[in-house]
N, C-alpha and C. Protein backbone atom coordinates (compact mmCIF):
# COMPACT_ATOMS: atom_id res chain seq x y z
N UNK A 1 106.32 150.40 59.14
CA UNK A 1 106.00 151.96 59.71
C UNK A 1 104.72 151.67 60.73
N UNK A 2 103.76 150.82 60.44
CA UNK A 2 102.44 150.73 61.34
C UNK A 2 102.92 150.47 62.40
N UNK A 3 103.80 149.00 62.51
CA UNK A 3 104.03 148.24 63.85
C UNK A 3 104.94 148.85 64.80
N UNK A 4 106.12 149.89 64.14
CA UNK A 4 106.66 150.88 64.88
C UNK A 4 105.68 151.98 65.62
N UNK A 5 104.94 152.36 64.76
CA UNK A 5 103.87 153.37 65.37
C UNK A 5 103.19 152.79 66.90
N UNK A 6 102.77 151.52 66.48
CA UNK A 6 102.06 150.79 67.43
C UNK A 6 102.41 150.04 68.63
N UNK A 7 103.77 150.28 68.66
CA UNK A 7 105.10 149.82 69.31
C UNK A 7 105.53 151.05 70.35
N UNK A 8 105.45 152.00 69.65
CA UNK A 8 105.59 153.43 70.38
C UNK A 8 104.58 153.74 71.37
N UNK A 9 103.13 153.43 70.72
CA UNK A 9 102.52 154.02 71.39
C UNK A 9 101.85 153.17 72.49
N UNK A 10 101.99 151.94 72.55
CA UNK A 10 102.08 150.49 73.62
C UNK A 10 103.06 151.03 74.41
N UNK A 11 104.29 151.48 74.26
CA UNK A 11 105.60 151.89 75.08
C UNK A 11 105.19 153.18 76.08
N UNK A 12 104.57 154.32 75.32
CA UNK A 12 104.06 155.49 76.09
C UNK A 12 103.14 155.19 76.71
N UNK A 13 102.22 154.38 76.42
CA UNK A 13 101.14 154.23 77.42
C UNK A 13 101.40 153.29 79.12
N UNK A 14 102.34 152.09 78.40
CA UNK A 14 102.87 151.68 79.43
C UNK A 14 103.47 152.55 80.33
N UNK A 15 104.41 153.40 80.12
CA UNK A 15 105.20 154.32 81.03
C UNK A 15 103.99 155.27 81.48
N UNK A 16 103.10 155.54 81.04
CA UNK A 16 102.17 156.63 82.06
C UNK A 16 101.25 155.51 82.75
N UNK A 17 101.01 154.46 82.81
CA UNK A 17 100.22 153.61 83.60
C UNK A 17 101.59 153.29 84.59
N UNK A 18 102.18 153.16 84.62
CA UNK A 18 103.27 152.78 85.54
C UNK A 18 103.79 154.03 86.60
N UNK A 19 103.91 154.77 85.78
CA UNK A 19 104.02 155.94 86.42
C UNK A 19 103.02 156.84 87.68
N UNK A 20 101.86 156.61 87.29
CA UNK A 20 100.92 156.91 87.78
C UNK A 20 100.81 156.35 89.25
N UNK A 21 101.05 155.68 89.24
CA UNK A 21 100.88 154.46 90.76
C UNK A 21 102.10 155.23 91.87
N UNK A 22 102.95 155.61 91.36
CA UNK A 22 103.87 156.19 92.62
C UNK A 22 103.15 157.65 93.28
N UNK A 23 102.63 158.11 92.39
CA UNK A 23 102.04 159.67 92.85
C UNK A 23 100.72 159.47 93.68
N UNK A 24 100.41 158.29 94.03
CA UNK A 24 99.27 158.18 94.64
C UNK A 24 99.95 156.97 96.26
N UNK A 25 101.17 156.95 95.99
CA UNK A 25 102.05 156.01 97.14
C UNK A 25 102.18 156.93 98.64
N UNK A 26 102.22 158.31 98.48
CA UNK A 26 102.30 159.05 99.66
C UNK A 26 101.20 160.12 99.67
N UNK A 27 100.47 160.27 100.75
CA UNK A 27 99.33 161.02 101.03
C UNK A 27 100.11 162.44 101.08
N UNK A 28 99.13 163.22 100.48
CA UNK A 28 99.29 164.67 100.10
C UNK A 28 99.18 165.27 101.54
N UNK A 29 99.79 166.18 101.49
CA UNK A 29 99.50 167.17 102.93
C UNK A 29 98.75 168.02 103.09
N UNK A 30 97.87 167.99 101.60
CA UNK A 30 96.47 168.65 101.75
C UNK A 30 95.61 167.95 101.94
N UNK A 31 95.72 166.71 102.10
CA UNK A 31 94.65 165.78 102.50
C UNK A 31 94.57 165.56 104.08
N UNK A 32 95.50 166.35 105.00
CA UNK A 32 95.12 166.34 106.49
C UNK A 32 94.18 167.08 106.42
N UNK A 33 93.35 166.81 107.80
CA UNK A 33 91.86 168.13 107.38
C UNK A 33 92.68 169.38 108.05
N UNK A 34 91.95 170.40 107.70
CA UNK A 34 92.20 171.60 108.00
C UNK A 34 92.35 171.77 109.51
N UNK A 35 91.40 171.37 110.32
CA UNK A 35 91.43 171.54 111.67
C UNK A 35 92.46 170.84 112.62
N UNK A 36 93.43 169.82 111.61
CA UNK A 36 94.74 169.48 112.57
C UNK A 36 95.88 169.70 112.03
N UNK A 37 95.89 171.07 110.90
CA UNK A 37 97.18 171.49 110.31
C UNK A 37 97.64 172.59 111.45
N UNK A 38 97.03 173.11 112.42
CA UNK A 38 97.13 174.09 112.87
C UNK A 38 97.33 173.77 114.88
N UNK A 39 98.05 172.56 114.62
CA UNK A 39 98.27 172.10 116.09
C UNK A 39 99.06 172.72 116.65
N UNK A 40 98.68 173.41 117.98
CA UNK A 40 99.58 174.23 118.39
C UNK A 40 100.66 173.44 119.82
N UNK A 41 100.39 172.17 120.09
CA UNK A 41 101.35 171.68 120.92
C UNK A 41 101.51 170.18 120.08
N UNK A 42 101.76 170.49 118.83
CA UNK A 42 102.29 169.55 117.78
C UNK A 42 103.51 168.61 118.63
N UNK A 43 104.65 169.34 118.99
CA UNK A 43 105.63 168.61 119.25
C UNK A 43 105.49 167.79 120.71
N UNK A 44 104.70 168.33 121.49
CA UNK A 44 104.56 167.52 122.74
C UNK A 44 103.37 166.43 122.08
N UNK A 45 102.60 166.56 121.39
CA UNK A 45 101.87 165.03 121.00
C UNK A 45 102.36 164.27 120.26
N UNK A 46 103.57 164.44 119.23
CA UNK A 46 104.42 163.60 118.90
C UNK A 46 105.25 162.80 119.51
N UNK A 47 105.42 163.60 120.76
CA UNK A 47 106.36 163.23 121.93
C UNK A 47 105.85 162.08 122.78
N UNK A 48 104.50 162.18 122.95
CA UNK A 48 103.69 161.29 123.31
C UNK A 48 103.66 160.17 122.58
N UNK A 49 103.66 160.17 121.11
CA UNK A 49 103.34 158.85 120.28
C UNK A 49 104.82 158.20 120.29
N UNK A 50 105.73 159.25 120.66
CA UNK A 50 107.14 158.40 120.42
C UNK A 50 107.57 157.36 121.78
N UNK A 51 106.71 157.82 122.85
CA UNK A 51 106.68 157.38 123.93
C UNK A 51 105.70 155.93 123.95
N UNK A 52 104.50 156.40 123.49
CA UNK A 52 103.59 154.94 122.82
C UNK A 52 104.37 153.84 122.22
N UNK A 53 105.20 154.66 121.03
CA UNK A 53 105.55 153.39 120.15
C UNK A 53 106.78 152.68 120.77
N UNK A 54 107.39 153.37 121.50
CA UNK A 54 108.50 152.72 122.36
C UNK A 54 107.95 151.84 123.20
N UNK A 55 107.12 152.03 124.15
CA UNK A 55 106.24 151.32 125.02
C UNK A 55 105.64 149.97 124.56
N UNK A 56 105.05 149.78 123.12
CA UNK A 56 104.40 149.33 122.30
C UNK A 56 105.63 147.93 121.98
N UNK A 57 106.62 148.58 121.34
CA UNK A 57 107.85 147.94 121.14
C UNK A 57 108.09 147.03 122.18
N UNK A 58 108.42 147.69 123.43
CA UNK A 58 108.84 147.10 124.50
C UNK A 58 108.19 145.69 125.07
N UNK A 59 106.38 146.22 124.88
CA UNK A 59 105.40 145.08 125.32
C UNK A 59 105.72 143.93 124.27
N UNK A 60 106.32 143.65 123.53
CA UNK A 60 106.38 142.45 122.56
C UNK A 60 107.23 141.56 123.08
N UNK A 61 108.14 141.88 124.01
CA UNK A 61 108.93 141.14 124.95
C UNK A 61 108.38 140.14 126.03
N UNK A 62 106.94 140.71 126.61
CA UNK A 62 106.22 139.65 127.51
C UNK A 62 106.19 138.48 126.69
N UNK A 63 106.61 137.23 127.58
CA UNK A 63 106.65 136.04 127.28
C UNK A 63 105.62 135.42 128.42
N UNK A 64 104.36 134.87 127.77
CA UNK A 64 103.49 134.24 128.57
C UNK A 64 103.57 132.55 128.15
N UNK A 65 104.26 131.45 128.95
CA UNK A 65 104.02 130.29 128.43
C UNK A 65 103.49 129.39 129.67
N UNK A 66 102.35 128.59 129.03
CA UNK A 66 101.83 128.00 130.28
C UNK A 66 102.71 126.98 130.70
N UNK A 67 104.14 126.58 130.45
CA UNK A 67 104.93 125.56 131.15
C UNK A 67 105.79 126.52 131.70
N UNK A 68 106.19 127.59 131.81
CA UNK A 68 107.40 128.43 132.47
C UNK A 68 106.72 129.72 133.27
N UNK A 69 105.50 129.67 133.12
CA UNK A 69 104.97 130.81 133.85
C UNK A 69 104.98 130.71 135.54
N UNK A 70 104.76 129.52 135.82
CA UNK A 70 104.95 129.15 137.31
C UNK A 70 106.57 129.46 138.09
N UNK A 71 107.48 129.74 137.40
CA UNK A 71 108.86 130.06 137.85
C UNK A 71 108.67 131.51 137.43
N UNK A 72 108.25 132.03 136.36
CA UNK A 72 108.58 133.40 135.97
C UNK A 72 107.53 134.39 136.02
N UNK A 73 106.45 133.83 137.12
CA UNK A 73 105.23 134.80 137.10
C UNK A 73 105.53 136.27 137.72
N UNK A 74 106.53 136.21 138.85
CA UNK A 74 106.67 137.48 139.53
C UNK A 74 107.28 138.52 138.54
N UNK A 75 108.11 137.83 137.84
CA UNK A 75 109.18 138.80 136.94
C UNK A 75 108.01 139.22 135.90
N UNK A 76 107.16 138.53 135.10
CA UNK A 76 106.23 138.95 133.87
C UNK A 76 105.37 139.66 134.73
N UNK A 77 104.57 139.69 135.86
CA UNK A 77 103.98 140.64 136.63
C UNK A 77 104.72 142.02 136.78
N UNK A 78 105.94 141.70 137.02
CA UNK A 78 106.44 142.96 137.31
C UNK A 78 106.58 143.90 136.09
N UNK A 79 107.19 142.92 134.96
CA UNK A 79 106.76 143.75 133.73
C UNK A 79 105.89 144.33 133.21
N UNK A 80 104.81 143.91 133.37
CA UNK A 80 103.44 144.19 132.82
C UNK A 80 103.01 145.13 133.58
N UNK A 81 103.40 145.26 134.86
CA UNK A 81 102.99 146.41 135.84
C UNK A 81 103.71 147.48 135.61
N UNK A 82 104.81 147.26 135.20
CA UNK A 82 105.66 148.40 135.06
C UNK A 82 105.27 148.92 133.35
N UNK A 83 104.97 148.29 132.32
CA UNK A 83 104.10 148.92 131.17
C UNK A 83 103.20 149.80 131.86
N UNK A 84 102.19 149.16 132.73
CA UNK A 84 101.10 149.68 132.98
C UNK A 84 101.42 151.28 133.85
N UNK A 85 102.35 151.08 134.41
CA UNK A 85 102.85 152.43 135.37
C UNK A 85 103.24 153.44 134.27
N UNK A 86 103.92 152.73 132.97
CA UNK A 86 104.27 153.61 131.74
C UNK A 86 103.45 154.63 131.42
N UNK A 87 102.28 153.61 130.99
CA UNK A 87 100.93 153.99 130.38
C UNK A 87 100.26 155.06 131.51
N UNK A 88 99.76 155.16 132.36
CA UNK A 88 99.73 156.13 133.60
C UNK A 88 100.53 157.37 133.32
N UNK A 89 101.85 157.40 133.41
CA UNK A 89 102.36 158.32 133.36
C UNK A 89 102.27 159.07 131.91
N UNK A 90 102.24 158.44 131.06
CA UNK A 90 101.72 158.85 129.23
C UNK A 90 100.33 159.89 129.91
N UNK A 91 99.59 159.04 130.75
CA UNK A 91 97.92 159.39 130.46
C UNK A 91 97.81 160.84 131.41
N UNK A 92 98.83 160.82 132.14
CA UNK A 92 98.87 162.02 133.36
C UNK A 92 99.31 163.06 132.63
N UNK A 93 100.69 162.71 131.80
CA UNK A 93 101.09 163.90 130.71
C UNK A 93 100.14 164.24 130.06
N UNK A 94 99.21 163.57 129.44
CA UNK A 94 98.13 164.23 128.33
C UNK A 94 97.22 164.91 129.48
N UNK A 95 96.83 164.25 130.13
CA UNK A 95 95.72 165.14 131.24
C UNK A 95 96.49 166.60 131.77
N UNK A 96 97.62 166.90 131.98
CA UNK A 96 98.40 167.91 131.70
C UNK A 96 98.32 168.82 130.62
N UNK A 97 98.53 167.95 129.44
CA UNK A 97 98.74 168.71 128.01
C UNK A 97 97.29 169.48 127.75
N UNK A 98 96.08 168.34 128.27
CA UNK A 98 94.77 168.99 128.09
C UNK A 98 94.60 170.29 128.74
N UNK A 99 94.72 170.08 129.83
CA UNK A 99 94.81 171.54 130.73
C UNK A 99 95.56 172.67 129.93
N UNK A 100 96.51 172.32 129.64
CA UNK A 100 96.89 173.72 128.90
C UNK A 100 96.82 174.31 127.83
N UNK A 101 96.16 173.10 127.01
CA UNK A 101 95.47 173.54 125.41
C UNK A 101 94.07 173.32 125.44
N UNK A 102 93.47 173.45 126.75
CA UNK A 102 92.04 173.24 126.62
C UNK A 102 91.45 174.06 125.87
N UNK A 103 91.72 175.72 124.94
CA UNK A 103 91.08 176.15 124.14
C UNK A 103 91.63 175.70 122.43
N UNK A 104 91.97 174.58 122.50
CA UNK A 104 92.55 174.24 121.53
C UNK A 104 91.79 173.11 120.86
N UNK A 105 90.53 172.96 120.38
CA UNK A 105 90.04 171.63 119.95
C UNK A 105 90.75 170.76 119.26
N UNK A 106 91.57 170.84 118.13
CA UNK A 106 92.45 170.00 117.45
C UNK A 106 93.38 169.19 118.19
N UNK A 107 93.79 170.04 119.27
CA UNK A 107 94.80 169.51 120.24
C UNK A 107 94.33 168.67 121.21
N UNK A 108 93.03 169.06 121.72
CA UNK A 108 92.59 167.67 122.72
C UNK A 108 91.82 167.10 121.77
N UNK A 109 91.51 166.92 120.51
CA UNK A 109 90.89 166.06 119.69
C UNK A 109 92.23 164.77 119.44
N UNK A 110 93.30 165.26 119.37
CA UNK A 110 94.64 164.50 118.92
C UNK A 110 94.52 163.94 120.27
N UNK A 111 95.04 164.26 121.08
CA UNK A 111 95.21 164.03 122.59
C UNK A 111 94.16 162.46 123.37
N UNK A 112 92.91 163.06 122.79
CA UNK A 112 91.94 161.94 122.59
C UNK A 112 92.06 160.78 122.12
N UNK A 113 92.52 160.90 120.91
CA UNK A 113 93.16 159.78 120.30
C UNK A 113 94.08 159.06 120.62
N UNK A 114 94.99 159.89 121.35
CA UNK A 114 96.35 159.01 122.04
C UNK A 114 96.02 158.18 123.17
N UNK A 115 94.98 158.83 123.97
CA UNK A 115 94.32 158.35 125.05
C UNK A 115 93.82 156.89 124.58
N UNK A 116 92.85 157.09 123.62
CA UNK A 116 91.99 155.73 123.20
C UNK A 116 93.29 154.95 122.58
N UNK A 117 93.97 154.99 122.47
CA UNK A 117 95.30 154.04 121.94
C UNK A 117 95.93 153.52 123.10
N UNK A 118 96.26 154.51 124.32
CA UNK A 118 96.71 153.72 125.43
C UNK A 118 95.69 153.04 126.16
N UNK A 119 94.44 153.29 126.11
CA UNK A 119 93.28 152.39 127.08
C UNK A 119 93.42 151.21 125.93
N UNK A 120 93.47 151.09 125.02
CA UNK A 120 93.67 149.50 124.32
C UNK A 120 94.70 148.94 124.88
N UNK A 121 95.89 149.31 124.89
CA UNK A 121 97.28 148.86 125.30
C UNK A 121 96.81 148.08 126.80
N UNK A 122 96.32 149.34 127.64
CA UNK A 122 96.19 149.11 128.85
C UNK A 122 94.87 148.05 129.23
N UNK A 123 94.23 147.75 128.18
CA UNK A 123 93.19 146.55 128.70
C UNK A 123 93.79 145.23 128.11
N UNK A 124 94.98 145.31 127.08
CA UNK A 124 95.74 143.99 126.66
C UNK A 124 96.34 143.82 127.93
N UNK A 125 97.02 144.33 128.52
CA UNK A 125 98.08 144.25 129.36
C UNK A 125 97.42 143.80 130.59
N UNK A 126 96.12 144.38 131.22
CA UNK A 126 95.29 144.03 132.31
C UNK A 126 94.92 142.29 132.05
N UNK A 127 94.44 142.27 130.87
CA UNK A 127 94.02 141.04 130.50
C UNK A 127 95.37 139.92 130.56
N UNK A 128 96.49 140.21 130.30
CA UNK A 128 97.47 139.46 130.27
C UNK A 128 97.56 138.97 131.73
N UNK A 129 97.49 139.79 132.75
CA UNK A 129 97.71 139.56 134.36
C UNK A 129 96.49 138.76 134.47
N UNK A 130 95.66 138.91 134.25
CA UNK A 130 94.63 137.77 134.52
C UNK A 130 94.82 136.41 133.93
N UNK A 131 95.19 136.50 132.70
CA UNK A 131 95.72 135.19 132.09
C UNK A 131 96.64 134.70 132.81
N UNK A 132 97.73 135.11 133.33
CA UNK A 132 98.84 135.12 134.15
C UNK A 132 97.99 134.28 135.49
N UNK A 133 97.46 134.94 136.16
CA UNK A 133 96.10 134.57 137.57
C UNK A 133 95.73 133.09 136.73
N UNK A 134 95.40 133.21 135.88
CA UNK A 134 94.15 131.98 135.74
C UNK A 134 95.30 130.92 135.47
N UNK A 135 96.65 130.73 134.43
CA UNK A 135 97.41 129.85 134.34
C UNK A 135 97.65 129.40 136.00
N UNK A 136 98.32 130.22 136.83
CA UNK A 136 98.66 129.63 138.18
C UNK A 136 97.62 128.98 139.03
N UNK A 137 96.44 129.38 138.74
CA UNK A 137 95.39 128.64 139.46
C UNK A 137 94.73 127.55 138.64
N UNK A 138 95.42 127.07 137.65
CA UNK A 138 94.92 126.04 136.69
C UNK A 138 93.93 125.94 136.28
N UNK A 139 93.22 127.24 135.76
CA UNK A 139 91.82 127.26 135.43
C UNK A 139 91.98 126.56 134.08
N UNK A 140 91.17 125.36 133.79
CA UNK A 140 90.74 124.97 132.62
C UNK A 140 91.05 125.57 130.97
N UNK A 141 90.37 126.68 131.01
CA UNK A 141 90.86 127.46 129.68
C UNK A 141 92.00 128.23 129.31
N UNK A 142 92.78 128.36 130.74
CA UNK A 142 94.12 129.23 130.73
C UNK A 142 95.12 128.33 130.08
N UNK A 143 94.91 126.79 130.76
CA UNK A 143 96.15 126.36 130.67
C UNK A 143 96.84 125.88 129.19
N UNK A 144 95.32 125.63 128.02
CA UNK A 144 96.10 125.44 126.81
C UNK A 144 96.07 126.77 125.97
N UNK A 145 96.92 127.74 125.56
CA UNK A 145 96.91 128.80 125.18
C UNK A 145 96.79 129.01 123.90
N UNK A 146 96.81 127.51 122.89
CA UNK A 146 96.60 127.76 121.71
C UNK A 146 95.22 127.75 121.41
N UNK A 147 94.39 127.29 122.45
CA UNK A 147 92.83 127.35 122.12
C UNK A 147 92.09 128.54 123.33
N UNK A 148 93.20 129.03 123.97
CA UNK A 148 92.53 129.78 125.14
C UNK A 148 91.77 131.03 124.27
N UNK A 149 90.69 131.44 125.01
CA UNK A 149 89.85 132.43 124.83
C UNK A 149 90.34 133.88 125.34
N UNK A 150 91.60 133.66 126.40
CA UNK A 150 91.79 134.62 126.78
C UNK A 150 93.05 135.27 125.77
N UNK A 151 93.53 134.86 124.78
CA UNK A 151 94.34 135.46 124.15
C UNK A 151 93.54 136.16 122.88
N UNK A 152 92.51 135.39 122.82
CA UNK A 152 91.48 136.10 121.86
C UNK A 152 91.47 137.99 122.28
N UNK A 153 90.97 137.96 123.63
CA UNK A 153 91.10 139.28 124.05
C UNK A 153 92.24 139.85 123.91
N UNK A 154 93.33 139.44 124.52
CA UNK A 154 94.38 140.01 124.48
C UNK A 154 95.10 140.80 123.08
N UNK A 155 95.14 139.91 122.04
CA UNK A 155 95.25 140.08 120.77
C UNK A 155 94.57 141.15 120.20
N UNK A 156 92.87 140.91 120.55
CA UNK A 156 92.01 142.05 119.82
C UNK A 156 92.42 143.29 120.49
N UNK A 157 92.66 143.49 121.84
CA UNK A 157 92.84 145.13 122.06
C UNK A 157 94.61 145.50 121.70
N UNK A 158 95.44 144.24 121.53
CA UNK A 158 96.68 145.17 121.16
C UNK A 158 96.11 145.17 119.53
N UNK A 159 95.70 144.46 118.79
CA UNK A 159 95.37 145.23 117.20
C UNK A 159 94.45 146.42 117.19
N UNK A 160 93.79 146.28 118.16
CA UNK A 160 92.94 147.74 117.95
C UNK A 160 93.99 149.03 118.49
N UNK A 161 94.37 148.95 119.39
CA UNK A 161 95.81 149.99 119.67
C UNK A 161 96.75 150.26 118.45
N UNK A 162 97.11 148.84 117.56
CA UNK A 162 97.91 149.10 116.39
C UNK A 162 97.07 149.86 115.24
N UNK A 163 95.89 149.45 115.07
CA UNK A 163 95.17 150.11 114.18
C UNK A 163 95.37 151.44 114.19
N UNK A 164 94.91 151.75 115.70
CA UNK A 164 94.78 152.93 116.04
C UNK A 164 95.78 153.97 115.84
N UNK A 165 97.01 153.38 116.22
CA UNK A 165 98.46 154.04 115.95
C UNK A 165 98.57 154.15 114.60
N UNK A 166 98.23 153.05 113.60
CA UNK A 166 98.48 153.16 112.31
C UNK A 166 97.83 154.25 111.65
N UNK A 167 96.37 154.47 112.16
CA UNK A 167 95.57 155.39 111.76
C UNK A 167 96.04 157.12 112.08
N UNK A 168 96.79 157.28 113.41
CA UNK A 168 97.14 158.38 113.36
C UNK A 168 98.40 158.74 112.75
N UNK A 169 99.19 157.88 112.53
CA UNK A 169 100.18 158.15 111.75
C UNK A 169 100.14 158.37 110.41
N UNK A 170 99.06 157.88 109.98
CA UNK A 170 98.68 158.03 108.21
C UNK A 170 97.73 159.32 108.28
N UNK A 171 96.86 159.41 109.02
CA UNK A 171 95.71 160.48 108.84
C UNK A 171 96.47 161.63 109.29
N UNK A 172 97.48 161.86 110.06
CA UNK A 172 98.08 163.00 110.08
C UNK A 172 99.47 163.55 109.58
N UNK A 173 99.50 162.26 108.58
CA UNK A 173 100.52 162.71 107.77
C UNK A 173 101.92 162.86 108.43
N UNK A 174 102.12 161.74 109.43
CA UNK A 174 103.30 161.93 110.51
C UNK A 174 104.72 160.69 109.82
């Protein structure tokens, strides 16, 4: 009888311990700061984030290879310039949004965070253009991409942008 009681107690303890972790897996809506619960232009801001997400997914298709870039440099530069144009378009839309909601601090703060995200992606793209020009000019540090310092900064800004995007998604419980 004593063994059965111990077994039942252990079983109950194991159930309660395993079920508690599921409650922490999802962020509560109450944990979103009050200042961000009453966004006036939430749909527009989410539209900007969707455009940024689509842009970031497309940026992954840029192929910079030290052996083939000389033949494909004009195409790759066009792609990068297209992405930079898209970023400028989103930035202009955010500026219009800021004028529209200039009396709503939560909306302005959210749009500023999206602008920071866009700046990181823009810096990464501009550094990729510099890398292409350096490869075309046969600069010593650019031709061996594996050891190149150029990639360190390119990936640094990409990662900063990705972290900012993840932060926004988690922080605002989107």
